[in-house]
């Protein structure tokens, strides 16, 4: 689900679903495929992170817009953090590594 303002789920930090909860429109798998087919990578990244469940990215983006600065790179979606916690609850060791641009 994605939209600009409104309530968010406490667990996943994604916008709530349904009209009764002032939820957003569902952005499903087929919509993702359509944007991929059109090559709209930046729009897709925005829909799946900042407008969905990237909590830190959402606040950094708002701050950058207010200050008239360049937009920051999106962070890790909260749904990914929930997945990591679920895997750790199953007893799996999950380690995350980062690479700088050009270190591939």
PDB file of N, CA and C in Angstrom:
ATOM      1  N   UNK A   1       0.845  -1.171   0.000  1.00  0.00           N
ATOM      2  CA  UNK A   1       0.000   0.000   0.000  1.00  0.00           C
ATOM      3  C   UNK A   1       0.890   1.233   0.000  1.00  0.00           C
ATOM      4  N   UNK A   2       0.438   2.291  -0.661  1.00  0.00           N
ATOM      5  CA  UNK A   2       1.233   3.509  -0.736  1.00  0.00           C
ATOM      6  C   UNK A   2       0.320   4.723  -0.800  1.00  0.00           C
ATOM      7  N   UNK A   3       0.735   5.762  -0.125  1.00  0.00           N
ATOM      8  CA  UNK A   3       0.054   7.049  -0.192  1.00  0.00           C
ATOM      9  C   UNK A   3       0.904   8.054   0.553  1.00  0.00           C
ATOM     10  N   UNK A   4       0.564   9.328   0.435  1.00  0.00           N
ATOM     11  CA  UNK A   4       1.431  10.367   0.989  1.00  0.00           C
ATOM     12  C   UNK A   4       1.206  10.623   2.471  1.00  0.00           C
ATOM     13  N   UNK A   5      -0.034  10.603   2.955  1.00  0.00           N
ATOM     14  CA  UNK A   5      -0.290  10.870   4.368  1.00  0.00           C
ATOM     15  C   UNK A   5      -1.288   9.866   4.914  1.00  0.00           C
ATOM     16  N   UNK A   6      -1.321   9.721   6.230  1.00  0.00           N
ATOM     17  CA  UNK A   6      -2.277   8.826   6.863  1.00  0.00           C
ATOM     18  C   UNK A   6      -1.602   7.895   7.844  1.00  0.00           C
ATOM     19  N   UNK A   7      -2.386   7.014   8.488  1.00  0.00           N
ATOM     20  CA  UNK A   7      -1.842   6.128   9.518  1.00  0.00           C
ATOM     21  C   UNK A   7      -1.024   4.973   8.931  1.00  0.00           C
ATOM     22  N   UNK A   8      -0.116   4.465   9.764  1.00  0.00           N
ATOM     23  CA  UNK A   8       0.755   3.359   9.370  1.00  0.00           C
ATOM     24  C   UNK A   8       0.618   2.217  10.365  1.00  0.00           C
ATOM     25  N   UNK A   9       0.870   0.994   9.904  1.00  0.00           N
ATOM     26  CA  UNK A   9       0.862  -0.187  10.770  1.00  0.00           C
ATOM     27  C   UNK A   9       1.990  -0.073  11.787  1.00  0.00           C
ATOM     28  N   UNK A  10       1.733  -0.475  13.026  1.00  0.00           N
ATOM     29  CA  UNK A  10       2.757  -0.392  14.062  1.00  0.00           C
ATOM     30  C   UNK A  10       3.872  -1.415  13.860  1.00  0.00           C
ATOM     31  N   UNK A  11       3.561  -2.563  13.269  1.00  0.00           N
ATOM     32  CA  UNK A  11       4.562  -3.616  13.098  1.00  0.00           C
ATOM     33  C   UNK A  11       5.416  -3.383  11.862  1.00  0.00           C
ATOM     34  N   UNK A  12       4.776  -3.227  10.704  1.00  0.00           N
ATOM     35  CA  UNK A  12       5.521  -3.135   9.445  1.00  0.00           C
ATOM     36  C   UNK A  12       5.778  -1.711   8.994  1.00  0.00           C
ATOM     37  N   UNK A  13       5.127  -0.737   9.598  1.00  0.00           N
ATOM     38  CA  UNK A  13       5.235   0.671   9.213  1.00  0.00           C
ATOM     39  C   UNK A  13       4.756   0.915   7.788  1.00  0.00           C
ATOM     40  N   UNK A  14       3.937   0.016   7.252  1.00  0.00           N
ATOM     41  CA  UNK A  14       3.343   0.213   5.938  1.00  0.00           C
ATOM     42  C   UNK A  14       2.003   0.911   6.108  1.00  0.00           C
ATOM     43  N   UNK A  15       1.567   1.663   5.087  1.00  0.00           N
ATOM     44  CA  UNK A  15       0.252   2.302   5.175  1.00  0.00           C
ATOM     45  C   UNK A  15      -0.842   1.261   5.388  1.00  0.00           C
ATOM     46  N   UNK A  16      -1.842   1.610   6.182  1.00  0.00           N
ATOM     47  CA  UNK A  16      -2.948   0.699   6.456  1.00  0.00           C
ATOM     48  C   UNK A  16      -3.781   0.477   5.204  1.00  0.00           C
ATOM     49  N   UNK A  17      -4.490  -0.644   5.167  1.00  0.00           N
ATOM     50  CA  UNK A  17      -5.344  -0.983   4.033  1.00  0.00           C
ATOM     51  C   UNK A  17      -6.792  -0.687   4.374  1.00  0.00           C
ATOM     52  N   UNK A  18      -7.542  -0.327   3.378  1.00  0.00           N
ATOM     53  CA  UNK A  18      -8.981  -0.168   3.558  1.00  0.00           C
ATOM     54  C   UNK A  18      -9.424   1.258   3.790  1.00  0.00           C
ATOM     55  N   UNK A  19     -10.611   1.535   3.306  1.00  0.00           N
ATOM     56  CA  UNK A  19     -11.179   2.873   3.414  1.00  0.00           C
ATOM     57  C   UNK A  19     -11.467   3.252   4.863  1.00  0.00           C
ATOM     58  N   UNK A  20     -11.893   2.290   5.674  1.00  0.00           N
ATOM     59  CA  UNK A  20     -12.250   2.572   7.066  1.00  0.00           C
ATOM     60  C   UNK A  20     -11.045   3.032   7.884  1.00  0.00           C
ATOM     61  N   UNK A  21      -9.847   2.575   7.525  1.00  0.00           N
ATOM     62  CA  UNK A  21      -8.634   2.975   8.242  1.00  0.00           C
ATOM     63  C   UNK A  21      -7.886   4.101   7.530  1.00  0.00           C
ATOM     64  N   UNK A  22      -8.537   4.756   6.552  1.00  0.00           N
ATOM     65  CA  UNK A  22      -7.904   5.801   5.743  1.00  0.00           C
ATOM     66  C   UNK A  22      -6.652   5.260   5.062  1.00  0.00           C
ATOM     67  N   UNK A  23      -6.762   4.049   4.532  1.00  0.00           N
ATOM     68  CA  UNK A  23      -5.624   3.369   3.929  1.00  0.00           C
ATOM     69  C   UNK A  23      -5.337   3.831   2.516  1.00  0.00           C
ATOM     70  N   UNK A  24      -4.206   3.365   2.011  1.00  0.00           N
ATOM     71  CA  UNK A  24      -3.775   3.717   0.667  1.00  0.00           C
ATOM     72  C   UNK A  24      -4.165   2.654  -0.341  1.00  0.00           C
ATOM     73  N   UNK A  25      -3.881   2.941  -1.602  1.00  0.00           N
ATOM     74  CA  UNK A  25      -4.134   1.980  -2.670  1.00  0.00           C
ATOM     75  C   UNK A  25      -3.055   0.909  -2.644  1.00  0.00           C
ATOM     76  N   UNK A  26      -3.460  -0.327  -2.861  1.00  0.00           N
ATOM     77  CA  UNK A  26      -2.498  -1.434  -2.871  1.00  0.00           C
ATOM     78  C   UNK A  26      -1.664  -1.346  -4.126  1.00  0.00           C
ATOM     79  N   UNK A  27      -0.370  -1.447  -3.963  1.00  0.00           N
ATOM     80  CA  UNK A  27       0.567  -1.472  -5.081  1.00  0.00           C
ATOM     81  C   UNK A  27       1.121  -2.886  -5.141  1.00  0.00           C
ATOM     82  N   UNK A  28       0.485  -3.723  -5.958  1.00  0.00           N
ATOM     83  CA  UNK A  28       0.767  -5.150  -5.955  1.00  0.00           C
ATOM     84  C   UNK A  28       1.893  -5.565  -6.872  1.00  0.00           C
ATOM     85  N   UNK A  29       2.043  -6.869  -6.968  1.00  0.00           N
ATOM     86  CA  UNK A  29       3.127  -7.451  -7.744  1.00  0.00           C
ATOM     87  C   UNK A  29       3.019  -7.109  -9.233  1.00  0.00           C
ATOM     88  N   UNK A  30       1.800  -7.135  -9.772  1.00  0.00           N
ATOM     89  CA  UNK A  30       1.636  -6.836 -11.197  1.00  0.00           C
ATOM     90  C   UNK A  30       1.936  -5.372 -11.499  1.00  0.00           C
ATOM     91  N   UNK A  31       1.611  -4.477 -10.564  1.00  0.00           N
ATOM     92  CA  UNK A  31       1.939  -3.063 -10.751  1.00  0.00           C
ATOM     93  C   UNK A  31       3.455  -2.858 -10.721  1.00  0.00           C
ATOM     94  N   UNK A  32       4.126  -3.610  -9.866  1.00  0.00           N
ATOM     95  CA  UNK A  32       5.591  -3.552  -9.822  1.00  0.00           C
ATOM     96  C   UNK A  32       6.163  -4.017 -11.153  1.00  0.00           C
ATOM     97  N   UNK A  33       5.634  -5.108 -11.690  1.00  0.00           N
ATOM     98  CA  UNK A  33       6.102  -5.611 -12.979  1.00  0.00           C
ATOM     99  C   UNK A  33       5.884  -4.586 -14.087  1.00  0.00           C
ATOM    100  N   UNK A  34       4.749  -3.901 -14.050  1.00  0.00           N
ATOM    101  CA  UNK A  34       4.452  -2.901 -15.078  1.00  0.00           C
ATOM    102  C   UNK A  34       5.466  -1.762 -15.030  1.00  0.00           C
ATOM    103  N   UNK A  35       5.785  -1.285 -13.833  1.00  0.00           N
ATOM    104  CA  UNK A  35       6.779  -0.217 -13.726  1.00  0.00           C
ATOM    105  C   UNK A  35       8.162  -0.705 -14.135  1.00  0.00           C
ATOM    106  N   UNK A  36       8.484  -1.955 -13.825  1.00  0.00           N
ATOM    107  CA  UNK A  36       9.760  -2.519 -14.273  1.00  0.00           C
ATOM    108  C   UNK A  36       9.819  -2.562 -15.792  1.00  0.00           C
ATOM    109  N   UNK A  37       8.711  -2.946 -16.428  1.00  0.00           N
ATOM    110  CA  UNK A  37       8.663  -3.037 -17.884  1.00  0.00           C
ATOM    111  C   UNK A  37       8.858  -1.679 -18.540  1.00  0.00           C
ATOM    112  N   UNK A  38       8.348  -0.628 -17.899  1.00  0.00           N
ATOM    113  CA  UNK A  38       8.506   0.718 -18.435  1.00  0.00           C
ATOM    114  C   UNK A  38       9.861   1.322 -18.094  1.00  0.00           C
ATOM    115  N   UNK A  39      10.630   0.664 -17.257  1.00  0.00           N
ATOM    116  CA  UNK A  39      11.937   1.182 -16.873  1.00  0.00           C
ATOM    117  C   UNK A  39      11.856   2.335 -15.892  1.00  0.00           C
ATOM    118  N   UNK A  40      10.785   2.388 -15.117  1.00  0.00           N
ATOM    119  CA  UNK A  40      10.582   3.481 -14.158  1.00  0.00           C
ATOM    120  C   UNK A  40      11.180   3.102 -12.805  1.00  0.00           C
ATOM    121  N   UNK A  41      12.499   2.940 -12.772  1.00  0.00           N
ATOM    122  CA  UNK A  41      13.172   2.446 -11.573  1.00  0.00           C
ATOM    123  C   UNK A  41      13.039   3.400 -10.394  1.00  0.00           C
ATOM    124  N   UNK A  42      13.151   4.699 -10.647  1.00  0.00           N
ATOM    125  CA  UNK A  42      13.086   5.663  -9.544  1.00  0.00           C
ATOM    126  C   UNK A  42      11.682   5.733  -8.942  1.00  0.00           C
ATOM    127  N   UNK A  43      10.666   5.681  -9.788  1.00  0.00           N
ATOM    128  CA  UNK A  43       9.286   5.680  -9.291  1.00  0.00           C
ATOM    129  C   UNK A  43       9.039   4.415  -8.476  1.00  0.00           C
ATOM    130  N   UNK A  44       9.510   3.288  -8.987  1.00  0.00           N
ATOM    131  CA  UNK A  44       9.344   2.016  -8.291  1.00  0.00           C
ATOM    132  C   UNK A  44      10.053   2.032  -6.939  1.00  0.00           C
ATOM    133  N   UNK A  45      11.261   2.572  -6.911  1.00  0.00           N
ATOM    134  CA  UNK A  45      12.004   2.649  -5.656  1.00  0.00           C
ATOM    135  C   UNK A  45      11.272   3.524  -4.645  1.00  0.00           C
ATOM    136  N   UNK A  46      10.725   4.635  -5.100  1.00  0.00           N
ATOM    137  CA  UNK A  46       9.979   5.528  -4.206  1.00  0.00           C
ATOM    138  C   UNK A  46       8.724   4.844  -3.668  1.00  0.00           C
ATOM    139  N   UNK A  47       7.999   4.136  -4.533  1.00  0.00           N
ATOM    140  CA  UNK A  47       6.761   3.479  -4.108  1.00  0.00           C
ATOM    141  C   UNK A  47       7.017   2.356  -3.105  1.00  0.00           C
ATOM    142  N   UNK A  48       8.124   1.637  -3.263  1.00  0.00           N
ATOM    143  CA  UNK A  48       8.387   0.477  -2.416  1.00  0.00           C
ATOM    144  C   UNK A  48       9.183   0.808  -1.159  1.00  0.00           C
ATOM    145  N   UNK A  49       9.688   2.028  -1.044  1.00  0.00           N
ATOM    146  CA  UNK A  49      10.456   2.386   0.155  1.00  0.00           C
ATOM    147  C   UNK A  49       9.831   3.580   0.855  1.00  0.00           C
ATOM    148  N   UNK A  50      10.085   4.765   0.354  1.00  0.00           N
ATOM    149  CA  UNK A  50       9.697   5.998   1.045  1.00  0.00           C
ATOM    150  C   UNK A  50       8.188   6.109   1.222  1.00  0.00           C
ATOM    151  N   UNK A  51       7.424   5.809   0.186  1.00  0.00           N
ATOM    152  CA  UNK A  51       5.969   5.918   0.295  1.00  0.00           C
ATOM    153  C   UNK A  51       5.347   4.693   0.948  1.00  0.00           C
ATOM    154  N   UNK A  52       6.153   3.693   1.230  1.00  0.00           N
ATOM    155  CA  UNK A  52       5.617   2.496   1.867  1.00  0.00           C
ATOM    156  C   UNK A  52       6.090   2.385   3.305  1.00  0.00           C
ATOM    157  N   UNK A  53       7.289   1.838   3.537  1.00  0.00           N
ATOM    158  CA  UNK A  53       7.670   1.538   4.920  1.00  0.00           C
ATOM    159  C   UNK A  53       9.114   1.868   5.280  1.00  0.00           C
ATOM    160  N   UNK A  54       9.737   2.776   4.561  1.00  0.00           N
ATOM    161  CA  UNK A  54      11.082   3.239   4.925  1.00  0.00           C
ATOM    162  C   UNK A  54      10.931   4.410   5.895  1.00  0.00           C
ATOM    163  N   UNK A  55      10.928   4.108   7.187  1.00  0.00           N
ATOM    164  CA  UNK A  55      10.626   5.109   8.214  1.00  0.00           C
ATOM    165  C   UNK A  55      11.656   6.231   8.214  1.00  0.00           C
ATOM    166  N   UNK A  56      12.946   5.877   8.260  1.00  0.00           N
ATOM    167  CA  UNK A  56      13.994   6.900   8.284  1.00  0.00           C
ATOM    168  C   UNK A  56      14.025   7.682   6.977  1.00  0.00           C
ATOM    169  N   UNK A  57      13.868   6.985   5.864  1.00  0.00           N
ATOM    170  CA  UNK A  57      13.872   7.648   4.567  1.00  0.00           C
ATOM    171  C   UNK A  57      12.727   8.627   4.416  1.00  0.00           C
ATOM    172  N   UNK A  58      11.578   8.285   4.995  1.00  0.00           N
ATOM    173  CA  UNK A  58      10.408   9.161   4.933  1.00  0.00           C
ATOM    174  C   UNK A  58      10.696  10.489   5.623  1.00  0.00           C
ATOM    175  N   UNK A  59      11.288  10.432   6.817  1.00  0.00           N
ATOM    176  CA  UNK A  59      11.569  11.673   7.553  1.00  0.00           C
ATOM    177  C   UNK A  59      12.703  12.453   6.900  1.00  0.00           C
ATOM    178  N   UNK A  60      13.728  11.753   6.391  1.00  0.00           N
ATOM    179  CA  UNK A  60      14.833  12.437   5.707  1.00  0.00           C
ATOM    180  C   UNK A  60      14.353  13.095   4.419  1.00  0.00           C
ATOM    181  N   UNK A  61      13.457  12.434   3.708  1.00  0.00           N
ATOM    182  CA  UNK A  61      12.915  12.989   2.472  1.00  0.00           C
ATOM    183  C   UNK A  61      12.118  14.253   2.751  1.00  0.00           C
ATOM    184  N   UNK A  62      11.274  14.210   3.776  1.00  0.00           N
ATOM    185  CA  UNK A  62      10.477  15.382   4.146  1.00  0.00           C
ATOM    186  C   UNK A  62      11.390  16.547   4.516  1.00  0.00           C
ATOM    187  N   UNK A  63      12.417  16.261   5.300  1.00  0.00           N
ATOM    188  CA  UNK A  63      13.356  17.303   5.721  1.00  0.00           C
ATOM    189  C   UNK A  63      14.088  17.906   4.524  1.00  0.00           C
ATOM    190  N   UNK A  64      14.502  17.068   3.576  1.00  0.00           N
ATOM    191  CA  UNK A  64      15.205  17.554   2.390  1.00  0.00           C
ATOM    192  C   UNK A  64      14.295  18.423   1.526  1.00  0.00           C
ATOM    193  N   UNK A  65      13.033  18.050   1.406  1.00  0.00           N
ATOM    194  CA  UNK A  65      12.093  18.847   0.610  1.00  0.00           C
ATOM    195  C   UNK A  65      11.874  20.205   1.258  1.00  0.00           C
ATOM    196  N   UNK A  66      11.695  20.217   2.586  1.00  0.00           N
ATOM    197  CA  UNK A  66      11.465  21.477   3.301  1.00  0.00           C
ATOM    198  C   UNK A  66      12.671  22.399   3.177  1.00  0.00           C
ATOM    199  N   UNK A  67      13.879  21.839   3.261  1.00  0.00           N
ATOM    200  CA  UNK A  67      15.104  22.645   3.207  1.00  0.00           C
ATOM    201  C   UNK A  67      15.560  22.931   1.782  1.00  0.00           C
ATOM    202  N   UNK A  68      14.911  22.329   0.788  1.00  0.00           N
ATOM    203  CA  UNK A  68      15.285  22.550  -0.606  1.00  0.00           C
ATOM    204  C   UNK A  68      16.583  21.865  -0.986  1.00  0.00           C
ATOM    205  N   UNK A  69      16.896  20.755  -0.347  1.00  0.00           N
ATOM    206  CA  UNK A  69      18.130  20.020  -0.613  1.00  0.00           C
ATOM    207  C   UNK A  69      17.866  18.872  -1.581  1.00  0.00           C
ATOM    208  N   UNK A  70      18.962  18.236  -2.020  1.00  0.00           N
ATOM    209  CA  UNK A  70      18.831  17.047  -2.860  1.00  0.00           C
ATOM    210  C   UNK A  70      18.187  15.926  -2.057  1.00  0.00           C
ATOM    211  N   UNK A  71      17.452  15.071  -2.736  1.00  0.00           N
ATOM    212  CA  UNK A  71      16.750  13.983  -2.057  1.00  0.00           C
ATOM    213  C   UNK A  71      17.734  12.895  -1.646  1.00  0.00           C
ATOM    214  N   UNK A  72      17.603  12.369  -0.430  1.00  0.00           N
ATOM    215  CA  UNK A  72      18.519  11.320   0.042  1.00  0.00           C
ATOM    216  C   UNK A  72      18.197   9.971  -0.586  1.00  0.00           C
ATOM    217  N   UNK A  73      19.166   9.072  -0.516  1.00  0.00           N
ATOM    218  CA  UNK A  73      18.945   7.704  -0.982  1.00  0.00           C
ATOM    219  C   UNK A  73      18.004   6.992  -0.016  1.00  0.00           C
ATOM    220  N   UNK A  74      17.077   6.176  -0.518  1.00  0.00           N
ATOM    221  CA  UNK A  74      16.179   5.441   0.380  1.00  0.00           C
ATOM    222  C   UNK A  74      16.951   4.427   1.215  1.00  0.00           C
ATOM    223  N   UNK A  75      16.417   4.132   2.386  1.00  0.00           N
ATOM    224  CA  UNK A  75      17.052   3.176   3.287  1.00  0.00           C
ATOM    225  C   UNK A  75      16.439   1.796   3.164  1.00  0.00           C
ATOM    226  N   UNK A  76      16.554   1.038   4.234  1.00  0.00           N
ATOM    227  CA  UNK A  76      16.028  -0.328   4.267  1.00  0.00           C
ATOM    228  C   UNK A  76      14.559  -0.289   4.676  1.00  0.00           C
ATOM    229  N   UNK A  77      13.674  -0.927   3.909  1.00  0.00           N
ATOM    230  CA  UNK A  77      12.258  -0.962   4.287  1.00  0.00           C
ATOM    231  C   UNK A  77      12.052  -1.702   5.610  1.00  0.00           C
ATOM    232  N   UNK A  78      11.086  -1.263   6.377  1.00  0.00           N
ATOM    233  CA  UNK A  78      10.797  -1.887   7.670  1.00  0.00           C
ATOM    234  C   UNK A  78      10.328  -3.326   7.500  1.00  0.00           C
ATOM    235  N   UNK A  79       9.685  -3.630   6.376  1.00  0.00           N
ATOM    236  CA  UNK A  79       9.246  -5.009   6.133  1.00  0.00           C
ATOM    237  C   UNK A  79      10.446  -5.951   6.044  1.00  0.00           C
ATOM    238  N   UNK A  80      11.581  -5.460   5.547  1.00  0.00           N
ATOM    239  CA  UNK A  80      12.797  -6.276   5.510  1.00  0.00           C
ATOM    240  C   UNK A  80      13.311  -6.528   6.925  1.00  0.00           C
ATOM    241  N   UNK A  81      13.252  -5.498   7.773  1.00  0.00           N
ATOM    242  CA  UNK A  81      13.658  -5.672   9.171  1.00  0.00           C
ATOM    243  C   UNK A  81      12.770  -6.692   9.882  1.00  0.00           C
ATOM    244  N   UNK A  82      11.473  -6.680   9.575  1.00  0.00           N
ATOM    245  CA  UNK A  82      10.551  -7.663  10.158  1.00  0.00           C
ATOM    246  C   UNK A  82      10.935  -9.067   9.694  1.00  0.00           C
ATOM    247  N   UNK A  83      11.269  -9.218   8.408  1.00  0.00           N
ATOM    248  CA  UNK A  83      11.703 -10.515   7.884  1.00  0.00           C
ATOM    249  C   UNK A  83      12.957 -10.996   8.604  1.00  0.00           C
ATOM    250  N   UNK A  84      13.932 -10.109   8.792  1.00  0.00           N
ATOM    251  CA  UNK A  84      15.169 -10.474   9.490  1.00  0.00           C
ATOM    252  C   UNK A  84      14.859 -10.944  10.907  1.00  0.00           C
ATOM    253  N   UNK A  85      13.987 -10.228  11.613  1.00  0.00           N
ATOM    254  CA  UNK A  85      13.626 -10.617  12.986  1.00  0.00           C
ATOM    255  C   UNK A  85      12.915 -11.976  13.014  1.00  0.00           C
ATOM    256  N   UNK A  86      12.071 -12.244  12.019  1.00  0.00           N
ATOM    257  CA  UNK A  86      11.393 -13.539  11.957  1.00  0.00           C
ATOM    258  C   UNK A  86      12.387 -14.665  11.703  1.00  0.00           C
ATOM    259  N   UNK A  87      13.367 -14.430  10.825  1.00  0.00           N
ATOM    260  CA  UNK A  87      14.391 -15.440  10.570  1.00  0.00           C
ATOM    261  C   UNK A  87      15.247 -15.677  11.808  1.00  0.00           C
ATOM    262  N   UNK A  88      15.566 -14.609  12.534  1.00  0.00           N
ATOM    263  CA  UNK A  88      16.334 -14.751  13.771  1.00  0.00           C
ATOM    264  C   UNK A  88      15.529 -15.509  14.822  1.00  0.00           C
ATOM    265  N   UNK A  89      14.219 -15.314  14.847  1.00  0.00           N
ATOM    266  CA  UNK A  89      13.367 -16.037  15.791  1.00  0.00           C
ATOM    267  C   UNK A  89      13.352 -17.534  15.490  1.00  0.00           C
ATOM    268  N   UNK A  90      13.604 -17.896  14.233  1.00  0.00           N
ATOM    269  CA  UNK A  90      13.692 -19.306  13.853  1.00  0.00           C
ATOM    270  C   UNK A  90      15.062 -19.899  14.158  1.00  0.00           C
ATOM    271  N   UNK A  91      15.963 -19.076  14.682  1.00  0.00           N
ATOM    272  CA  UNK A  91      17.293 -19.557  15.039  1.00  0.00           C
ATOM    273  C   UNK A  91      18.326 -19.390  13.950  1.00  0.00           C
ATOM    274  N   UNK A  92      18.010 -18.645  12.907  1.00  0.00           N
ATOM    275  CA  UNK A  92      18.965 -18.418  11.830  1.00  0.00           C
ATOM    276  C   UNK A  92      19.789 -17.170  12.116  1.00  0.00           C
ATOM    277  N   UNK A  93      21.078 -17.252  11.811  1.00  0.00           N
ATOM    278  CA  UNK A  93      21.951 -16.100  11.992  1.00  0.00           C
ATOM    279  C   UNK A  93      21.916 -15.280  10.702  1.00  0.00           C
ATOM    280  N   UNK A  94      21.496 -14.045  10.806  1.00  0.00           N
ATOM    281  CA  UNK A  94      21.383 -13.171   9.641  1.00  0.00           C
ATOM    282  C   UNK A  94      22.385 -12.042   9.793  1.00  0.00           C
ATOM    283  N   UNK A  95      23.280 -11.911   8.823  1.00  0.00           N
ATOM    284  CA  UNK A  95      24.230 -10.799   8.831  1.00  0.00           C
ATOM    285  C   UNK A  95      24.044 -10.013   7.547  1.00  0.00           C
ATOM    286  N   UNK A  96      24.106  -8.708   7.670  1.00  0.00           N
ATOM    287  CA  UNK A  96      23.929  -7.828   6.523  1.00  0.00           C
ATOM    288  C   UNK A  96      25.242  -7.132   6.221  1.00  0.00           C
ATOM    289  N   UNK A  97      25.599  -7.097   4.967  1.00  0.00           N
ATOM    290  CA  UNK A  97      26.805  -6.400   4.538  1.00  0.00           C
ATOM    291  C   UNK A  97      26.445  -5.293   3.574  1.00  0.00           C
ATOM    292  N   UNK A  98      27.241  -4.260   3.564  1.00  0.00           N
ATOM    293  CA  UNK A  98      27.012  -3.153   2.641  1.00  0.00           C
ATOM    294  C   UNK A  98      28.230  -2.976   1.754  1.00  0.00           C
ATOM    295  N   UNK A  99      27.992  -2.482   0.562  1.00  0.00           N
ATOM    296  CA  UNK A  99      29.078  -2.163  -0.359  1.00  0.00           C
ATOM    297  C   UNK A  99      28.924  -0.719  -0.784  1.00  0.00           C
ATOM    298  N   UNK A 100      30.031  -0.068  -0.950  1.00  0.00           N
ATOM    299  CA  UNK A 100      30.017   1.303  -1.446  1.00  0.00           C
ATOM    300  C   UNK A 100      29.855   1.271  -2.959  1.00  0.00           C
ATOM    301  N   UNK A 101      29.419   2.382  -3.524  1.00  0.00           N
ATOM    302  CA  UNK A 101      29.250   2.469  -4.976  1.00  0.00           C
ATOM    303  C   UNK A 101      30.598   2.232  -5.649  1.00  0.00           C
ATOM    304  N   UNK A 102      30.632   1.327  -6.601  1.00  0.00           N
ATOM    305  CA  UNK A 102      31.855   1.025  -7.321  1.00  0.00           C
ATOM    306  C   UNK A 102      32.649  -0.128  -6.733  1.00  0.00           C
ATOM    307  N   UNK A 103      32.256  -0.664  -5.588  1.00  0.00           N
ATOM    308  CA  UNK A 103      32.972  -1.771  -4.947  1.00  0.00           C
ATOM    309  C   UNK A 103      32.405  -3.128  -5.334  1.00  0.00           C
ATOM    310  N   UNK A 104      31.720  -3.223  -6.414  1.00  0.00           N
ATOM    311  CA  UNK A 104      31.014  -4.454  -6.759  1.00  0.00           C
ATOM    312  C   UNK A 104      31.908  -5.464  -7.325  1.00  0.00           C
TER     313      UNK A 104
END
